[in-house]
Amino acid sequence: VIKPGIHVLSTESEFSDNSIELDAKSGQNYFVRQYIKFGVFVGGANLELVSEEEGKEGVLECKLAN
C-alpha cells in the first residue's frame, strides 16, 4: 500500500537506469512490469505500467523459484 500522489519507481542494471513516474490514486491497484529490452550488444532492464487485468494475470502465472 502506498499513499496517493506521485511516486517514482526505478530499476538499474549494469548498462542503464530506468524509472517511471506513477500518479497513484486512492483505492486503485497498479501493476508495473519489469522486462529486458534488447540492445545492439547487451540488453537492459525497463519498466512499464500495465492494466490491472494484465497485472493480475501475470501475478497468477508467477511461481516461486526453488
PDB file of N, CA and C in Angstrom:
ATOM      1  N   VAL A   1       0.853  -1.173   0.000  1.00  0.00           N
ATOM      2  CA  VAL A   1       0.000   0.000   0.000  1.00  0.00           C
ATOM      3  C   VAL A   1       0.899   1.237   0.000  1.00  0.00           C
ATOM      4  N   ILE A   2       0.570   2.157  -0.899  1.00  0.00           N
ATOM      5  CA  ILE A   2       1.296   3.419  -0.948  1.00  0.00           C
ATOM      6  C   ILE A   2       0.306   4.575  -0.806  1.00  0.00           C
ATOM      7  N   LYS A   3       0.801   5.697  -0.398  1.00  0.00           N
ATOM      8  CA  LYS A   3      -0.028   6.888  -0.262  1.00  0.00           C
ATOM      9  C   LYS A   3      -0.325   7.449  -1.652  1.00  0.00           C
ATOM     10  N   PRO A   4      -1.499   8.068  -1.820  1.00  0.00           N
ATOM     11  CA  PRO A   4      -1.802   8.720  -3.092  1.00  0.00           C
ATOM     12  C   PRO A   4      -0.770   9.802  -3.398  1.00  0.00           C
ATOM     13  N   GLY A   5      -0.534  10.031  -4.686  1.00  0.00           N
ATOM     14  CA  GLY A   5       0.403  11.053  -5.120  1.00  0.00           C
ATOM     15  C   GLY A   5       1.417  10.504  -6.095  1.00  0.00           C
ATOM     16  N   ILE A   6       2.387  11.311  -6.404  1.00  0.00           N
ATOM     17  CA  ILE A   6       3.422  10.960  -7.373  1.00  0.00           C
ATOM     18  C   ILE A   6       4.493  10.111  -6.702  1.00  0.00           C
ATOM     19  N   HIS A   7       4.814   8.986  -7.332  1.00  0.00           N
ATOM     20  CA  HIS A   7       5.877   8.093  -6.873  1.00  0.00           C
ATOM     21  C   HIS A   7       6.769   7.765  -8.058  1.00  0.00           C
ATOM     22  N   VAL A   8       8.060   7.643  -7.813  1.00  0.00           N
ATOM     23  CA  VAL A   8       8.997   7.254  -8.858  1.00  0.00           C
ATOM     24  C   VAL A   8       9.455   5.833  -8.565  1.00  0.00           C
ATOM     25  N   LEU A   9       9.255   4.957  -9.532  1.00  0.00           N
ATOM     26  CA  LEU A   9       9.700   3.566  -9.431  1.00  0.00           C
ATOM     27  C   LEU A   9      10.891   3.429 -10.359  1.00  0.00           C
ATOM     28  N   SER A  10      11.947   2.762  -9.890  1.00  0.00           N
ATOM     29  CA  SER A  10      13.133   2.672 -10.733  1.00  0.00           C
ATOM     30  C   SER A  10      13.807   1.318 -10.586  1.00  0.00           C
ATOM     31  N   THR A  11      14.586   1.011 -11.593  1.00  0.00           N
ATOM     32  CA  THR A  11      15.381  -0.198 -11.619  1.00  0.00           C
ATOM     33  C   THR A  11      16.710   0.160 -12.256  1.00  0.00           C
ATOM     34  N   GLU A  12      17.712  -0.619 -11.976  1.00  0.00           N
ATOM     35  CA  GLU A  12      19.005  -0.367 -12.609  1.00  0.00           C
ATOM     36  C   GLU A  12      19.645  -1.689 -12.985  1.00  0.00           C
ATOM     37  N   SER A  13      20.480  -1.625 -13.963  1.00  0.00           N
ATOM     38  CA  SER A  13      21.254  -2.790 -14.381  1.00  0.00           C
ATOM     39  C   SER A  13      22.670  -2.305 -14.649  1.00  0.00           C
ATOM     40  N   GLU A  14      23.506  -3.205 -15.092  1.00  0.00           N
ATOM     41  CA  GLU A  14      24.890  -2.824 -15.385  1.00  0.00           C
ATOM     42  C   GLU A  14      24.969  -1.745 -16.447  1.00  0.00           C
ATOM     43  N   PHE A  15      23.964  -1.702 -17.319  1.00  0.00           N
ATOM     44  CA  PHE A  15      24.081  -0.867 -18.504  1.00  0.00           C
ATOM     45  C   PHE A  15      23.168   0.352 -18.521  1.00  0.00           C
ATOM     46  N   SER A  16      22.124   0.359 -17.686  1.00  0.00           N
ATOM     47  CA  SER A  16      21.229   1.518 -17.722  1.00  0.00           C
ATOM     48  C   SER A  16      20.364   1.581 -16.464  1.00  0.00           C
ATOM     49  N   ASP A  17      19.950   2.780 -16.145  1.00  0.00           N
ATOM     50  CA  ASP A  17      18.978   3.013 -15.088  1.00  0.00           C
ATOM     51  C   ASP A  17      17.670   3.408 -15.766  1.00  0.00           C
ATOM     52  N   ASN A  18      16.557   2.947 -15.249  1.00  0.00           N
ATOM     53  CA  ASN A  18      15.262   3.274 -15.830  1.00  0.00           C
ATOM     54  C   ASN A  18      14.287   3.594 -14.719  1.00  0.00           C
ATOM     55  N   SER A  19      13.378   4.517 -14.979  1.00  0.00           N
ATOM     56  CA  SER A  19      12.371   4.847 -13.972  1.00  0.00           C
ATOM     57  C   SER A  19      11.080   5.276 -14.667  1.00  0.00           C
ATOM     58  N   ILE A  20       9.984   5.135 -13.935  1.00  0.00           N
ATOM     59  CA  ILE A  20       8.705   5.654 -14.389  1.00  0.00           C
ATOM     60  C   ILE A  20       8.069   6.389 -13.231  1.00  0.00           C
ATOM     61  N   GLU A  21       7.220   7.331 -13.569  1.00  0.00           N
ATOM     62  CA  GLU A  21       6.510   8.105 -12.568  1.00  0.00           C
ATOM     63  C   GLU A  21       5.081   7.584 -12.502  1.00  0.00           C
ATOM     64  N   LEU A  22       4.590   7.347 -11.306  1.00  0.00           N
ATOM     65  CA  LEU A  22       3.250   6.828 -11.099  1.00  0.00           C
ATOM     66  C   LEU A  22       2.471   7.827 -10.256  1.00  0.00           C
ATOM     67  N   ASP A  23       1.333   8.280 -10.773  1.00  0.00           N
ATOM     68  CA  ASP A  23       0.447   9.169 -10.027  1.00  0.00           C
ATOM     69  C   ASP A  23      -0.630   8.301  -9.389  1.00  0.00           C
ATOM     70  N   ALA A  24      -0.374   7.824  -8.182  1.00  0.00           N
ATOM     71  CA  ALA A  24      -1.252   6.870  -7.503  1.00  0.00           C
ATOM     72  C   ALA A  24      -2.507   7.555  -6.981  1.00  0.00           C
ATOM     73  N   LYS A  25      -3.639   6.895  -7.217  1.00  0.00           N
ATOM     74  CA  LYS A  25      -4.928   7.352  -6.712  1.00  0.00           C
ATOM     75  C   LYS A  25      -5.375   6.402  -5.606  1.00  0.00           C
ATOM     76  N   SER A  26      -6.088   6.909  -4.628  1.00  0.00           N
ATOM     77  CA  SER A  26      -6.585   6.110  -3.513  1.00  0.00           C
ATOM     78  C   SER A  26      -7.558   5.038  -4.001  1.00  0.00           C
ATOM     79  N   GLY A  27      -7.415   3.814  -3.472  1.00  0.00           N
ATOM     80  CA  GLY A  27      -8.340   2.736  -3.789  1.00  0.00           C
ATOM     81  C   GLY A  27      -8.106   2.037  -5.111  1.00  0.00           C
ATOM     82  N   GLN A  28      -7.009   2.327  -5.804  1.00  0.00           N
ATOM     83  CA  GLN A  28      -6.722   1.679  -7.077  1.00  0.00           C
ATOM     84  C   GLN A  28      -5.510   0.766  -6.953  1.00  0.00           C
ATOM     85  N   ASN A  29      -5.482  -0.262  -7.788  1.00  0.00           N
ATOM     86  CA  ASN A  29      -4.331  -1.168  -7.868  1.00  0.00           C
ATOM     87  C   ASN A  29      -3.500  -0.803  -9.082  1.00  0.00           C
ATOM     88  N   TYR A  30      -2.194  -0.890  -8.939  1.00  0.00           N
ATOM     89  CA  TYR A  30      -1.284  -0.595 -10.042  1.00  0.00           C
ATOM     90  C   TYR A  30      -0.326  -1.762 -10.203  1.00  0.00           C
ATOM     91  N   PHE A  31      -0.005  -2.073 -11.427  1.00  0.00           N
ATOM     92  CA  PHE A  31       0.921  -3.153 -11.738  1.00  0.00           C
ATOM     93  C   PHE A  31       1.987  -2.630 -12.679  1.00  0.00           C
ATOM     94  N   VAL A  32       3.237  -2.892 -12.323  1.00  0.00           N
ATOM     95  CA  VAL A  32       4.371  -2.472 -13.136  1.00  0.00           C
ATOM     96  C   VAL A  32       5.150  -3.714 -13.531  1.00  0.00           C
ATOM     97  N   ARG A  33       5.413  -3.847 -14.806  1.00  0.00           N
ATOM     98  CA  ARG A  33       6.174  -4.994 -15.310  1.00  0.00           C
ATOM     99  C   ARG A  33       7.610  -4.548 -15.589  1.00  0.00           C
ATOM    100  N   GLN A  34       8.536  -5.373 -15.136  1.00  0.00           N
ATOM    101  CA  GLN A  34       9.943  -5.164 -15.467  1.00  0.00           C
ATOM    102  C   GLN A  34      10.285  -6.184 -16.541  1.00  0.00           C
ATOM    103  N   TYR A  35      10.943  -5.734 -17.572  1.00  0.00           N
ATOM    104  CA  TYR A  35      11.314  -6.632 -18.661  1.00  0.00           C
ATOM    105  C   TYR A  35      12.690  -6.261 -19.191  1.00  0.00           C
ATOM    106  N   ILE A  36      13.238  -7.154 -19.980  1.00  0.00           N
ATOM    107  CA  ILE A  36      14.546  -6.917 -20.590  1.00  0.00           C
ATOM    108  C   ILE A  36      14.336  -6.403 -22.000  1.00  0.00           C
ATOM    109  N   LYS A  37      14.912  -5.247 -22.277  1.00  0.00           N
ATOM    110  CA  LYS A  37      14.854  -4.715 -23.632  1.00  0.00           C
ATOM    111  C   LYS A  37      16.159  -5.078 -24.324  1.00  0.00           C
ATOM    112  N   PHE A  38      16.062  -5.406 -25.559  1.00  0.00           N
ATOM    113  CA  PHE A  38      17.233  -5.848 -26.304  1.00  0.00           C
ATOM    114  C   PHE A  38      17.995  -4.655 -26.858  1.00  0.00           C
ATOM    115  N   GLY A  39      19.309  -4.770 -26.843  1.00  0.00           N
ATOM    116  CA  GLY A  39      20.165  -3.740 -27.400  1.00  0.00           C
ATOM    117  C   GLY A  39      21.052  -4.332 -28.480  1.00  0.00           C
ATOM    118  N   VAL A  40      21.908  -3.531 -29.028  1.00  0.00           N
ATOM    119  CA  VAL A  40      22.812  -3.998 -30.087  1.00  0.00           C
ATOM    120  C   VAL A  40      23.786  -5.029 -29.532  1.00  0.00           C
ATOM    121  N   PHE A  41      24.386  -4.739 -28.372  1.00  0.00           N
ATOM    122  CA  PHE A  41      25.376  -5.647 -27.796  1.00  0.00           C
ATOM    123  C   PHE A  41      24.871  -6.330 -26.517  1.00  0.00           C
ATOM    124  N   VAL A  42      24.117  -5.604 -25.712  1.00  0.00           N
ATOM    125  CA  VAL A  42      23.609  -6.154 -24.451  1.00  0.00           C
ATOM    126  C   VAL A  42      22.184  -5.665 -24.221  1.00  0.00           C
ATOM    127  N   GLY A  43      21.454  -6.386 -23.388  1.00  0.00           N
ATOM    128  CA  GLY A  43      20.105  -5.970 -23.026  1.00  0.00           C
ATOM    129  C   GLY A  43      20.128  -5.125 -21.770  1.00  0.00           C
ATOM    130  N   GLY A  44      19.030  -4.493 -21.480  1.00  0.00           N
ATOM    131  CA  GLY A  44      18.913  -3.698 -20.269  1.00  0.00           C
ATOM    132  C   GLY A  44      17.505  -3.807 -19.719  1.00  0.00           C
ATOM    133  N   ALA A  45      17.333  -3.508 -18.464  1.00  0.00           N
ATOM    134  CA  ALA A  45      16.023  -3.585 -17.828  1.00  0.00           C
ATOM    135  C   ALA A  45      15.186  -2.366 -18.188  1.00  0.00           C
ATOM    136  N   ASN A  46      13.873  -2.545 -18.189  1.00  0.00           N
ATOM    137  CA  ASN A  46      12.958  -1.433 -18.410  1.00  0.00           C
ATOM    138  C   ASN A  46      11.684  -1.696 -17.616  1.00  0.00           C
ATOM    139  N   LEU A  47      10.909  -0.656 -17.370  1.00  0.00           N
ATOM    140  CA  LEU A  47       9.666  -0.759 -16.609  1.00  0.00           C
ATOM    141  C   LEU A  47       8.512  -0.210 -17.434  1.00  0.00           C
ATOM    142  N   GLU A  48       7.314  -0.810 -17.252  1.00  0.00           N
ATOM    143  CA  GLU A  48       6.122  -0.263 -17.887  1.00  0.00           C
ATOM    144  C   GLU A  48       4.915  -0.536 -17.015  1.00  0.00           C
ATOM    145  N   LEU A  49       3.999   0.418 -16.973  1.00  0.00           N
ATOM    146  CA  LEU A  49       2.751   0.276 -16.263  1.00  0.00           C
ATOM    147  C   LEU A  49       1.822  -0.559 -17.137  1.00  0.00           C
ATOM    148  N   VAL A  50       1.181  -1.580 -16.551  1.00  0.00           N
ATOM    149  CA  VAL A  50       0.255  -2.422 -17.306  1.00  0.00           C
ATOM    150  C   VAL A  50      -1.124  -2.349 -16.666  1.00  0.00           C
ATOM    151  N   SER A  51      -2.129  -2.774 -17.405  1.00  0.00           N
ATOM    152  CA  SER A  51      -3.500  -2.730 -16.893  1.00  0.00           C
ATOM    153  C   SER A  51      -3.649  -3.656 -15.688  1.00  0.00           C
ATOM    154  N   GLU A  52      -4.691  -3.410 -14.899  1.00  0.00           N
ATOM    155  CA  GLU A  52      -4.932  -4.258 -13.738  1.00  0.00           C
ATOM    156  C   GLU A  52      -5.200  -5.699 -14.178  1.00  0.00           C
ATOM    157  N   GLU A  53      -5.942  -5.873 -15.263  1.00  0.00           N
ATOM    158  CA  GLU A  53      -6.233  -7.216 -15.768  1.00  0.00           C
ATOM    159  C   GLU A  53      -4.947  -7.950 -16.152  1.00  0.00           C
ATOM    160  N   GLU A  54      -4.089  -7.278 -16.894  1.00  0.00           N
ATOM    161  CA  GLU A  54      -2.822  -7.890 -17.311  1.00  0.00           C
ATOM    162  C   GLU A  54      -1.919  -8.151 -16.113  1.00  0.00           C
ATOM    163  N   GLY A  55      -1.892  -7.231 -15.160  1.00  0.00           N
ATOM    164  CA  GLY A  55      -1.062  -7.395 -13.974  1.00  0.00           C
ATOM    165  C   GLY A  55      -1.494  -8.574 -13.119  1.00  0.00           C
ATOM    166  N   LYS A  56      -2.803  -8.699 -12.895  1.00  0.00           N
ATOM    167  CA  LYS A  56      -3.306  -9.821 -12.094  1.00  0.00           C
ATOM    168  C   LYS A  56      -3.022 -11.149 -12.785  1.00  0.00           C
ATOM    169  N   GLU A  57      -3.189 -11.173 -14.102  1.00  0.00           N
ATOM    170  CA  GLU A  57      -2.898 -12.389 -14.860  1.00  0.00           C
ATOM    171  C   GLU A  57      -1.424 -12.772 -14.716  1.00  0.00           C
ATOM    172  N   GLY A  58      -0.537 -11.786 -14.803  1.00  0.00           N
ATOM    173  CA  GLY A  58       0.890 -12.042 -14.650  1.00  0.00           C
ATOM    174  C   GLY A  58       1.247 -12.559 -13.271  1.00  0.00           C
ATOM    175  N   VAL A  59       0.622 -12.001 -12.234  1.00  0.00           N
ATOM    176  CA  VAL A  59       0.890 -12.455 -10.867  1.00  0.00           C
ATOM    177  C   VAL A  59       0.448 -13.902 -10.696  1.00  0.00           C
ATOM    178  N   LEU A  60      -0.704 -14.254 -11.241  1.00  0.00           N
ATOM    179  CA  LEU A  60      -1.202 -15.623 -11.123  1.00  0.00           C
ATOM    180  C   LEU A  60      -0.301 -16.634 -11.835  1.00  0.00           C
ATOM    181  N   GLU A  61       0.420 -16.186 -12.862  1.00  0.00           N
ATOM    182  CA  GLU A  61       1.327 -17.071 -13.606  1.00  0.00           C
ATOM    183  C   GLU A  61       2.670 -17.266 -12.904  1.00  0.00           C
ATOM    184  N   CYS A  62       2.979 -16.435 -11.932  1.00  0.00           N
ATOM    185  CA  CYS A  62       4.284 -16.496 -11.259  1.00  0.00           C
ATOM    186  C   CYS A  62       4.403 -17.746 -10.403  1.00  0.00           C
ATOM    187  N   LYS A  63       5.609 -18.252 -10.347  1.00  0.00           N
ATOM    188  CA  LYS A  63       5.940 -19.381  -9.473  1.00  0.00           C
ATOM    189  C   LYS A  63       7.181 -19.000  -8.691  1.00  0.00           C
ATOM    190  N   LEU A  64       7.274 -19.480  -7.457  1.00  0.00           N
ATOM    191  CA  LEU A  64       8.452 -19.212  -6.644  1.00  0.00           C
ATOM    192  C   LEU A  64       9.617 -20.053  -7.150  1.00  0.00           C
ATOM    193  N   ALA A  65      10.794 -19.450  -7.163  1.00  0.00           N
ATOM    194  CA  ALA A  65      11.996 -20.193  -7.547  1.00  0.00           C
ATOM    195  C   ALA A  65      12.442 -21.038  -6.375  1.00  0.00           C
ATOM    196  N   ASN A  66      12.922 -22.217  -6.664  1.00  0.00           N
ATOM    197  CA  ASN A  66      13.430 -23.120  -5.608  1.00  0.00           C
ATOM    198  C   ASN A  66      14.917 -23.033  -5.506  1.00  0.00           C
TER     199      ASN A  66
END
